[in-house]
């Protein structure tokens, strides 16, 4: 088989982000990588976050900052269609909770793929 995907290598732990407070287990996040190989050569890498005690894998969102009332604040979190699809693929490879329910609960906004 020429195409393989691997995931689960933890690259960062103890990350605390405000969007994670939407979940029951809002403890520190673990960042993992999801790698795509073609004929054994790494061709793409994505970061994933294990949230709610590892019940679901979500893509880490890009915070969008805007000025409101003279202060800079995060107004939304964006994830591209591709990042969302890849995270759903990895999440669904193992038994777990409903990906879309968690994605919506996190409040992420899906945007077009970046050029």
N, C-alpha and C. Protein backbone atom coordinates (compact mmCIF):
# COMPACT_ATOMS: atom_id res chain seq x y z
N UNK A 1 0.84 -1.17 0.00
CA UNK A 1 0.00 0.00 0.00
C UNK A 1 0.89 1.24 0.00
N UNK A 2 0.61 2.18 -0.86
CA UNK A 2 1.47 3.35 -0.99
C UNK A 2 1.13 4.44 0.02
N UNK A 3 -0.14 4.56 0.40
CA UNK A 3 -0.57 5.62 1.32
C UNK A 3 -0.77 5.06 2.71
N UNK A 4 -0.14 5.68 3.70
CA UNK A 4 -0.35 5.29 5.10
C UNK A 4 -0.51 6.56 5.94
N UNK A 5 -1.23 6.39 7.04
CA UNK A 5 -1.45 7.50 7.97
C UNK A 5 -1.13 6.99 9.36
N UNK A 6 -0.40 7.78 10.12
CA UNK A 6 -0.13 7.43 11.52
C UNK A 6 -0.46 8.63 12.40
N UNK A 7 -0.75 8.34 13.66
CA UNK A 7 -1.07 9.41 14.60
C UNK A 7 -0.80 8.90 16.01
N UNK A 8 -0.80 9.84 16.95
CA UNK A 8 -0.65 9.46 18.35
C UNK A 8 0.64 9.92 19.00
N UNK A 9 1.59 10.40 18.22
CA UNK A 9 2.82 10.90 18.82
C UNK A 9 2.51 12.24 19.49
N UNK A 10 2.67 12.29 20.80
CA UNK A 10 2.38 13.50 21.57
C UNK A 10 3.57 14.45 21.45
N UNK A 11 3.28 15.68 21.03
CA UNK A 11 4.34 16.67 20.85
C UNK A 11 4.27 17.80 21.87
N UNK A 12 3.14 17.93 22.57
CA UNK A 12 3.01 18.96 23.61
C UNK A 12 1.92 18.53 24.58
N UNK A 13 2.14 18.81 25.84
CA UNK A 13 1.14 18.49 26.87
C UNK A 13 0.90 19.71 27.74
N UNK A 14 -0.09 19.59 28.55
CA UNK A 14 -0.40 20.64 29.53
C UNK A 14 -0.76 21.97 28.89
N UNK A 15 -1.36 21.94 27.71
CA UNK A 15 -1.82 23.17 27.06
C UNK A 15 -3.22 23.49 27.58
N UNK A 16 -3.45 24.71 28.01
CA UNK A 16 -4.75 25.13 28.50
C UNK A 16 -5.25 26.28 27.62
N UNK A 17 -6.37 26.05 26.95
CA UNK A 17 -6.94 27.05 26.05
C UNK A 17 -8.38 27.31 26.43
N UNK A 18 -8.85 28.54 26.23
CA UNK A 18 -10.19 28.89 26.69
C UNK A 18 -11.31 28.12 26.00
N UNK A 19 -11.17 27.75 24.73
CA UNK A 19 -12.24 27.00 24.07
C UNK A 19 -12.42 25.61 24.66
N UNK A 20 -11.43 25.10 25.34
CA UNK A 20 -11.52 23.77 25.95
C UNK A 20 -12.47 23.76 27.14
N UNK A 21 -12.82 24.92 27.68
CA UNK A 21 -13.71 24.97 28.84
C UNK A 21 -15.13 24.55 28.50
N UNK A 22 -15.45 24.34 27.24
CA UNK A 22 -16.78 23.90 26.83
C UNK A 22 -17.03 22.43 27.16
N UNK A 23 -16.00 21.69 27.55
CA UNK A 23 -16.12 20.26 27.77
C UNK A 23 -16.11 19.90 29.25
N UNK A 24 -16.69 18.76 29.57
CA UNK A 24 -16.77 18.28 30.95
C UNK A 24 -15.39 18.14 31.55
N UNK A 25 -14.50 17.45 30.85
CA UNK A 25 -13.11 17.30 31.30
C UNK A 25 -12.30 18.37 30.60
N UNK A 26 -12.16 19.52 31.24
CA UNK A 26 -11.47 20.65 30.61
C UNK A 26 -10.03 20.77 31.08
N UNK A 27 -9.44 19.63 31.43
CA UNK A 27 -8.05 19.62 31.84
C UNK A 27 -7.13 19.97 30.68
N UNK A 28 -5.85 20.02 30.94
CA UNK A 28 -4.88 20.39 29.89
C UNK A 28 -4.99 19.49 28.66
N UNK A 29 -4.78 20.08 27.51
CA UNK A 29 -4.84 19.36 26.23
C UNK A 29 -3.51 18.70 25.91
N UNK A 30 -3.59 17.66 25.09
CA UNK A 30 -2.40 17.03 24.53
C UNK A 30 -2.42 17.26 23.03
N UNK A 31 -1.33 17.80 22.51
CA UNK A 31 -1.20 17.97 21.07
C UNK A 31 -0.48 16.76 20.50
N UNK A 32 -1.05 16.21 19.42
CA UNK A 32 -0.46 15.08 18.73
C UNK A 32 -0.25 15.45 17.26
N UNK A 33 0.52 14.63 16.58
CA UNK A 33 0.66 14.82 15.14
C UNK A 33 -0.01 13.67 14.42
N UNK A 34 -0.57 14.00 13.28
CA UNK A 34 -1.10 13.02 12.35
C UNK A 34 -0.28 13.14 11.07
N UNK A 35 0.38 12.06 10.71
CA UNK A 35 1.29 12.09 9.56
C UNK A 35 0.73 11.29 8.39
N UNK A 36 0.92 11.82 7.19
CA UNK A 36 0.53 11.13 5.97
C UNK A 36 1.80 10.78 5.21
N UNK A 37 1.93 9.50 4.86
CA UNK A 37 3.10 9.00 4.14
C UNK A 37 2.69 8.48 2.78
N UNK A 38 3.53 8.71 1.80
CA UNK A 38 3.36 8.13 0.47
C UNK A 38 4.62 7.33 0.18
N UNK A 39 4.47 6.03 0.01
CA UNK A 39 5.61 5.12 -0.19
C UNK A 39 6.66 5.30 0.90
N UNK A 40 6.20 5.49 2.13
CA UNK A 40 7.11 5.60 3.27
C UNK A 40 7.73 6.97 3.48
N UNK A 41 7.41 7.92 2.62
CA UNK A 41 7.95 9.27 2.75
C UNK A 41 6.89 10.20 3.32
N UNK A 42 7.23 10.93 4.35
CA UNK A 42 6.31 11.88 4.96
C UNK A 42 5.99 12.98 3.96
N UNK A 43 4.69 13.15 3.65
CA UNK A 43 4.29 14.18 2.70
C UNK A 43 3.39 15.25 3.31
N UNK A 44 2.84 14.99 4.50
CA UNK A 44 1.98 15.98 5.14
C UNK A 44 1.90 15.68 6.63
N UNK A 45 1.78 16.73 7.43
CA UNK A 45 1.68 16.59 8.89
C UNK A 45 0.63 17.57 9.40
N UNK A 46 -0.21 17.09 10.31
CA UNK A 46 -1.25 17.91 10.91
C UNK A 46 -1.20 17.75 12.42
N UNK A 47 -1.51 18.81 13.12
CA UNK A 47 -1.63 18.74 14.57
C UNK A 47 -3.06 18.42 14.93
N UNK A 48 -3.22 17.66 15.99
CA UNK A 48 -4.53 17.27 16.51
C UNK A 48 -4.52 17.49 18.01
N UNK A 49 -5.71 17.70 18.58
CA UNK A 49 -5.80 17.84 20.03
C UNK A 49 -6.75 16.78 20.57
N UNK A 50 -6.31 16.11 21.62
CA UNK A 50 -7.17 15.15 22.31
C UNK A 50 -7.87 15.93 23.42
N UNK A 51 -9.20 16.06 23.31
CA UNK A 51 -9.95 16.86 24.27
C UNK A 51 -10.94 16.01 25.05
N UNK A 52 -11.47 16.59 26.11
CA UNK A 52 -12.45 15.96 26.99
C UNK A 52 -11.96 14.60 27.46
N UNK A 53 -10.76 14.61 28.02
CA UNK A 53 -10.18 13.38 28.55
C UNK A 53 -9.84 12.37 27.47
N UNK A 54 -9.58 12.81 26.25
CA UNK A 54 -9.22 11.92 25.15
C UNK A 54 -10.42 11.32 24.45
N UNK A 55 -11.61 11.81 24.69
CA UNK A 55 -12.81 11.26 24.07
C UNK A 55 -12.93 11.59 22.59
N UNK A 56 -12.27 12.66 22.17
CA UNK A 56 -12.38 13.08 20.77
C UNK A 56 -11.08 13.75 20.34
N UNK A 57 -10.78 13.63 19.05
CA UNK A 57 -9.64 14.31 18.45
C UNK A 57 -10.19 15.47 17.63
N UNK A 58 -9.75 16.68 17.95
CA UNK A 58 -10.17 17.86 17.19
C UNK A 58 -8.95 18.54 16.58
N UNK A 59 -9.16 19.26 15.48
CA UNK A 59 -8.06 20.04 14.93
C UNK A 59 -7.84 21.27 15.80
N UNK A 60 -6.60 21.65 16.05
CA UNK A 60 -6.39 22.89 16.80
C UNK A 60 -6.80 24.08 15.92
N UNK A 61 -7.64 24.95 16.45
CA UNK A 61 -8.13 26.07 15.64
C UNK A 61 -7.15 27.23 15.59
N UNK A 62 -7.36 28.08 14.60
CA UNK A 62 -6.59 29.32 14.49
C UNK A 62 -7.40 30.43 15.16
N UNK A 63 -6.86 31.07 16.20
CA UNK A 63 -7.61 32.16 16.83
C UNK A 63 -7.61 33.40 15.94
N UNK A 64 -8.76 34.05 15.86
CA UNK A 64 -8.90 35.28 15.09
C UNK A 64 -9.09 36.41 16.09
N UNK A 65 -8.18 37.37 16.06
CA UNK A 65 -8.19 38.49 16.99
C UNK A 65 -8.81 39.72 16.34
N UNK A 66 -9.60 40.44 17.12
CA UNK A 66 -10.17 41.69 16.67
C UNK A 66 -10.20 42.66 17.84
N UNK A 67 -10.26 43.94 17.50
CA UNK A 67 -10.34 44.96 18.56
C UNK A 67 -11.79 45.21 18.90
N UNK A 68 -12.09 45.15 20.20
CA UNK A 68 -13.43 45.45 20.70
C UNK A 68 -13.29 46.30 21.95
N UNK A 69 -13.96 47.42 21.95
CA UNK A 69 -13.92 48.33 23.10
C UNK A 69 -12.49 48.68 23.49
N UNK A 70 -11.64 48.88 22.50
CA UNK A 70 -10.26 49.28 22.76
C UNK A 70 -9.35 48.16 23.20
N UNK A 71 -9.84 46.92 23.22
CA UNK A 71 -9.01 45.78 23.64
C UNK A 71 -8.96 44.75 22.52
N UNK A 72 -7.82 44.10 22.41
CA UNK A 72 -7.66 43.02 21.44
C UNK A 72 -8.12 41.73 22.10
N UNK A 73 -9.01 41.00 21.42
CA UNK A 73 -9.54 39.76 21.99
C UNK A 73 -9.80 38.76 20.88
N UNK A 74 -9.82 37.49 21.25
CA UNK A 74 -10.17 36.43 20.30
C UNK A 74 -11.68 36.50 20.08
N UNK A 75 -12.09 36.61 18.82
CA UNK A 75 -13.52 36.70 18.52
C UNK A 75 -14.08 35.38 17.99
N UNK A 76 -13.21 34.54 17.45
CA UNK A 76 -13.66 33.23 16.95
C UNK A 76 -12.43 32.36 16.71
N UNK A 77 -12.70 31.08 16.52
CA UNK A 77 -11.64 30.12 16.21
C UNK A 77 -11.98 29.48 14.87
N UNK A 78 -11.02 29.52 13.94
CA UNK A 78 -11.26 29.00 12.60
C UNK A 78 -10.49 27.70 12.34
N UNK A 79 -11.14 26.83 11.59
CA UNK A 79 -10.55 25.56 11.15
C UNK A 79 -10.91 25.41 9.67
N UNK A 80 -9.95 25.02 8.84
CA UNK A 80 -10.26 24.83 7.42
C UNK A 80 -11.03 23.53 7.22
N UNK A 81 -11.70 23.44 6.07
CA UNK A 81 -12.44 22.21 5.74
C UNK A 81 -11.50 21.00 5.76
N UNK A 82 -10.30 21.18 5.22
CA UNK A 82 -9.33 20.09 5.16
C UNK A 82 -8.89 19.64 6.56
N UNK A 83 -8.59 20.61 7.43
CA UNK A 83 -8.18 20.28 8.80
C UNK A 83 -9.30 19.53 9.54
N UNK A 84 -10.53 19.99 9.33
CA UNK A 84 -11.68 19.32 9.97
C UNK A 84 -11.84 17.91 9.44
N UNK A 85 -11.76 17.74 8.13
CA UNK A 85 -11.92 16.41 7.53
C UNK A 85 -10.82 15.45 7.99
N UNK A 86 -9.59 15.94 8.07
CA UNK A 86 -8.49 15.08 8.52
C UNK A 86 -8.68 14.66 9.97
N UNK A 87 -9.05 15.60 10.83
CA UNK A 87 -9.28 15.27 12.25
C UNK A 87 -10.43 14.28 12.39
N UNK A 88 -11.49 14.45 11.60
CA UNK A 88 -12.62 13.51 11.65
C UNK A 88 -12.18 12.12 11.20
N UNK A 89 -11.37 12.05 10.16
CA UNK A 89 -10.85 10.77 9.69
C UNK A 89 -10.08 10.05 10.79
N UNK A 90 -9.18 10.76 11.45
CA UNK A 90 -8.38 10.16 12.52
C UNK A 90 -9.28 9.78 13.69
N UNK A 91 -10.18 10.66 14.08
CA UNK A 91 -11.08 10.37 15.19
C UNK A 91 -11.91 9.11 14.93
N UNK A 92 -12.43 8.99 13.71
CA UNK A 92 -13.29 7.86 13.37
C UNK A 92 -12.53 6.55 13.17
N UNK A 93 -11.21 6.60 13.15
CA UNK A 93 -10.41 5.37 13.00
C UNK A 93 -10.43 4.54 14.28
N UNK A 94 -10.81 5.15 15.39
CA UNK A 94 -10.90 4.45 16.66
C UNK A 94 -12.28 4.71 17.26
N UNK A 95 -12.78 3.80 18.08
CA UNK A 95 -14.09 4.05 18.69
C UNK A 95 -14.05 5.30 19.56
N UNK A 96 -15.12 6.07 19.52
CA UNK A 96 -15.15 7.28 20.32
C UNK A 96 -16.49 7.98 20.22
N UNK A 97 -16.53 9.17 20.74
CA UNK A 97 -17.73 9.98 20.76
C UNK A 97 -18.01 10.58 19.38
N UNK A 98 -19.13 11.28 19.26
CA UNK A 98 -19.54 11.90 18.02
C UNK A 98 -18.68 13.13 17.72
N UNK A 99 -17.88 13.06 16.68
CA UNK A 99 -16.96 14.14 16.32
C UNK A 99 -17.70 15.45 16.11
N UNK A 100 -18.77 15.43 15.30
CA UNK A 100 -19.46 16.67 14.94
C UNK A 100 -20.08 17.35 16.16
N UNK A 101 -20.58 16.60 17.11
CA UNK A 101 -21.15 17.18 18.33
C UNK A 101 -20.07 17.94 19.10
N UNK A 102 -18.90 17.33 19.24
CA UNK A 102 -17.80 17.99 19.95
C UNK A 102 -17.29 19.21 19.19
N UNK A 103 -17.20 19.09 17.88
CA UNK A 103 -16.73 20.20 17.05
C UNK A 103 -17.65 21.41 17.22
N UNK A 104 -18.95 21.17 17.16
CA UNK A 104 -19.91 22.26 17.32
C UNK A 104 -19.86 22.83 18.73
N UNK A 105 -19.71 21.96 19.73
CA UNK A 105 -19.66 22.43 21.12
C UNK A 105 -18.43 23.31 21.36
N UNK A 106 -17.33 23.02 20.66
CA UNK A 106 -16.12 23.83 20.78
C UNK A 106 -16.33 25.23 20.20
N UNK A 107 -17.30 25.36 19.30
CA UNK A 107 -17.60 26.67 18.72
C UNK A 107 -16.71 27.07 17.57
N UNK A 108 -16.05 26.10 16.94
CA UNK A 108 -15.17 26.41 15.83
C UNK A 108 -15.98 26.82 14.61
N UNK A 109 -15.38 27.67 13.78
CA UNK A 109 -15.98 28.11 12.52
C UNK A 109 -15.17 27.47 11.39
N UNK A 110 -15.85 26.77 10.51
CA UNK A 110 -15.17 26.13 9.38
C UNK A 110 -15.05 27.13 8.24
N UNK A 111 -13.84 27.26 7.71
CA UNK A 111 -13.58 28.23 6.64
C UNK A 111 -12.96 27.50 5.45
N UNK A 112 -12.91 28.18 4.31
CA UNK A 112 -12.30 27.60 3.11
C UNK A 112 -10.83 27.28 3.38
N UNK A 113 -10.32 26.31 2.66
CA UNK A 113 -8.92 25.93 2.80
C UNK A 113 -8.04 27.10 2.41
N UNK A 114 -6.97 27.29 3.17
CA UNK A 114 -6.03 28.37 2.89
C UNK A 114 -5.18 28.03 1.67
N UNK A 115 -4.83 29.04 0.92
CA UNK A 115 -4.02 28.82 -0.28
C UNK A 115 -2.58 28.51 0.10
